[in-house]
């Protein structure tokens, strides 16, 4: 039996890191299998997966929170207008 006093914040953080690393390894292996099945794919893209998994997800969290904040405030969000100058030759 485990007593609740046996657990600490460092134990929880270590366990979280282990599970996240396990997730990244499983994700990498399944991605590698997909690359094996698609033989013509550029294998250098596989190395970018680790950065994409962390930074892209954080970016999407930021965008989602910004959208929710705008919706709560009742702001209208538009694409914006581009001024056309016809300067391209």
C-alpha atoms as a PDB file:
ATOM      1  CA  UNK A   1       0.000   0.000   0.000  1.00  0.00           C
ATOM      2  CA  UNK A   2       1.113   3.526  -0.748  1.00  0.00           C
ATOM      3  CA  UNK A   3       0.568   6.172   1.801  1.00  0.00           C
ATOM      4  CA  UNK A   4      -0.211   9.680   0.455  1.00  0.00           C
ATOM      5  CA  UNK A   5       2.660  11.109   2.485  1.00  0.00           C
ATOM      6  CA  UNK A   6       5.078   8.961   0.474  1.00  0.00           C
ATOM      7  CA  UNK A   7       4.412  11.022  -2.621  1.00  0.00           C
ATOM      8  CA  UNK A   8       6.073  14.341  -3.278  1.00  0.00           C
ATOM      9  CA  UNK A   9       5.991  16.999  -5.955  1.00  0.00           C
ATOM     10  CA  UNK A  10       9.331  15.827  -7.344  1.00  0.00           C
ATOM     11  CA  UNK A  11       7.989  12.286  -7.611  1.00  0.00           C
ATOM     12  CA  UNK A  12       4.965  13.541  -9.551  1.00  0.00           C
ATOM     13  CA  UNK A  13       7.125  15.672 -11.847  1.00  0.00           C
ATOM     14  CA  UNK A  14       9.469  12.754 -12.543  1.00  0.00           C
ATOM     15  CA  UNK A  15       6.528  10.515 -13.339  1.00  0.00           C
ATOM     16  CA  UNK A  16       5.069  13.188 -15.630  1.00  0.00           C
ATOM     17  CA  UNK A  17       8.383  13.526 -17.467  1.00  0.00           C
ATOM     18  CA  UNK A  18       8.659   9.739 -17.866  1.00  0.00           C
ATOM     19  CA  UNK A  19       5.163   9.489 -19.319  1.00  0.00           C
ATOM     20  CA  UNK A  20       5.759  12.444 -21.664  1.00  0.00           C
ATOM     21  CA  UNK A  21       9.026  10.896 -22.878  1.00  0.00           C
ATOM     22  CA  UNK A  22       7.198   7.599 -23.374  1.00  0.00           C
ATOM     23  CA  UNK A  23       4.550   9.453 -25.420  1.00  0.00           C
ATOM     24  CA  UNK A  24       7.258  11.083 -27.566  1.00  0.00           C
ATOM     25  CA  UNK A  25       8.972   7.736 -28.167  1.00  0.00           C
ATOM     26  CA  UNK A  26       5.707   6.030 -29.165  1.00  0.00           C
ATOM     27  CA  UNK A  27       4.839   9.010 -31.374  1.00  0.00           C
ATOM     28  CA  UNK A  28       8.271   8.890 -33.033  1.00  0.00           C
ATOM     29  CA  UNK A  29       8.072   5.135 -33.634  1.00  0.00           C
ATOM     30  CA  UNK A  30       4.604   5.339 -35.179  1.00  0.00           C
ATOM     31  CA  UNK A  31       5.725   8.261 -37.334  1.00  0.00           C
ATOM     32  CA  UNK A  32       8.773   6.270 -38.438  1.00  0.00           C
ATOM     33  CA  UNK A  33       6.482   3.387 -39.399  1.00  0.00           C
ATOM     34  CA  UNK A  34       4.431   5.811 -41.498  1.00  0.00           C
ATOM     35  CA  UNK A  35       7.642   6.984 -43.197  1.00  0.00           C
ATOM     36  CA  UNK A  36       8.652   3.371 -43.859  1.00  0.00           C
ATOM     37  CA  UNK A  37       5.290   2.709 -45.497  1.00  0.00           C
ATOM     38  CA  UNK A  38       5.603   5.858 -47.617  1.00  0.00           C
ATOM     39  CA  UNK A  39       9.027   5.206 -49.137  1.00  0.00           C
ATOM     40  CA  UNK A  40       9.247   8.400 -51.198  1.00  0.00           C
ATOM     41  CA  UNK A  41       8.861  10.707 -48.182  1.00  0.00           C
ATOM     42  CA  UNK A  42      11.657  13.036 -47.067  1.00  0.00           C
ATOM     43  CA  UNK A  43      13.063  11.437 -43.884  1.00  0.00           C
ATOM     44  CA  UNK A  44      14.504  14.734 -42.642  1.00  0.00           C
ATOM     45  CA  UNK A  45      10.932  15.765 -41.801  1.00  0.00           C
ATOM     46  CA  UNK A  46      10.896  13.121 -39.083  1.00  0.00           C
ATOM     47  CA  UNK A  47      13.460  15.064 -37.050  1.00  0.00           C
ATOM     48  CA  UNK A  48      11.200  18.111 -36.941  1.00  0.00           C
ATOM     49  CA  UNK A  49       8.489  16.097 -35.228  1.00  0.00           C
ATOM     50  CA  UNK A  50       9.860  16.726 -31.727  1.00  0.00           C
ATOM     51  CA  UNK A  51       9.843  20.501 -32.167  1.00  0.00           C
ATOM     52  CA  UNK A  52       6.441  20.406 -33.808  1.00  0.00           C
ATOM     53  CA  UNK A  53       4.934  18.358 -31.004  1.00  0.00           C
ATOM     54  CA  UNK A  54       5.869  20.899 -28.372  1.00  0.00           C
ATOM     55  CA  UNK A  55       5.926  24.336 -29.989  1.00  0.00           C
ATOM     56  CA  UNK A  56       3.012  23.953 -32.401  1.00  0.00           C
ATOM     57  CA  UNK A  57       0.755  22.711 -29.640  1.00  0.00           C
ATOM     58  CA  UNK A  58       1.726  25.662 -27.415  1.00  0.00           C
ATOM     59  CA  UNK A  59       1.017  28.038 -30.289  1.00  0.00           C
ATOM     60  CA  UNK A  60      -2.422  26.501 -30.788  1.00  0.00           C
ATOM     61  CA  UNK A  61      -3.158  26.867 -27.050  1.00  0.00           C
ATOM     62  CA  UNK A  62      -2.243  30.556 -27.303  1.00  0.00           C
ATOM     63  CA  UNK A  63      -4.470  31.055 -30.357  1.00  0.00           C
ATOM     64  CA  UNK A  64      -7.382  29.204 -28.737  1.00  0.00           C
ATOM     65  CA  UNK A  65      -7.134  31.272 -25.551  1.00  0.00           C
ATOM     66  CA  UNK A  66      -6.941  34.490 -27.554  1.00  0.00           C
ATOM     67  CA  UNK A  67     -10.040  33.527 -29.560  1.00  0.00           C
ATOM     68  CA  UNK A  68     -11.966  32.594 -26.406  1.00  0.00           C
ATOM     69  CA  UNK A  69     -10.936  35.884 -24.797  1.00  0.00           C
ATOM     70  CA  UNK A  70     -12.117  37.840 -27.845  1.00  0.00           C
ATOM     71  CA  UNK A  71     -15.410  35.926 -27.870  1.00  0.00           C
ATOM     72  CA  UNK A  72     -16.028  36.620 -24.180  1.00  0.00           C
ATOM     73  CA  UNK A  73     -15.297  40.327 -24.692  1.00  0.00           C
ATOM     74  CA  UNK A  74     -17.683  40.365 -27.666  1.00  0.00           C
ATOM     75  CA  UNK A  75     -15.045  41.628 -30.085  1.00  0.00           C
ATOM     76  CA  UNK A  76     -15.517  41.073 -33.780  1.00  0.00           C
ATOM     77  CA  UNK A  77     -12.478  39.452 -35.296  1.00  0.00           C
ATOM     78  CA  UNK A  78     -11.959  39.963 -38.995  1.00  0.00           C
ATOM     79  CA  UNK A  79      -9.378  38.892 -41.504  1.00  0.00           C
ATOM     80  CA  UNK A  80      -8.489  42.484 -42.265  1.00  0.00           C
ATOM     81  CA  UNK A  81      -8.215  44.301 -45.566  1.00  0.00           C
ATOM     82  CA  UNK A  82      -5.168  44.394 -47.747  1.00  0.00           C
ATOM     83  CA  UNK A  83      -4.522  47.636 -49.551  1.00  0.00           C
ATOM     84  CA  UNK A  84      -3.923  46.926 -53.218  1.00  0.00           C
ATOM     85  CA  UNK A  85      -1.270  49.157 -54.759  1.00  0.00           C
ATOM     86  CA  UNK A  86      -0.610  47.388 -58.089  1.00  0.00           C
ATOM     87  CA  UNK A  87       3.155  47.768 -57.681  1.00  0.00           C
ATOM     88  CA  UNK A  88       4.174  44.269 -58.761  1.00  0.00           C
ATOM     89  CA  UNK A  89       5.848  44.220 -62.162  1.00  0.00           C
END
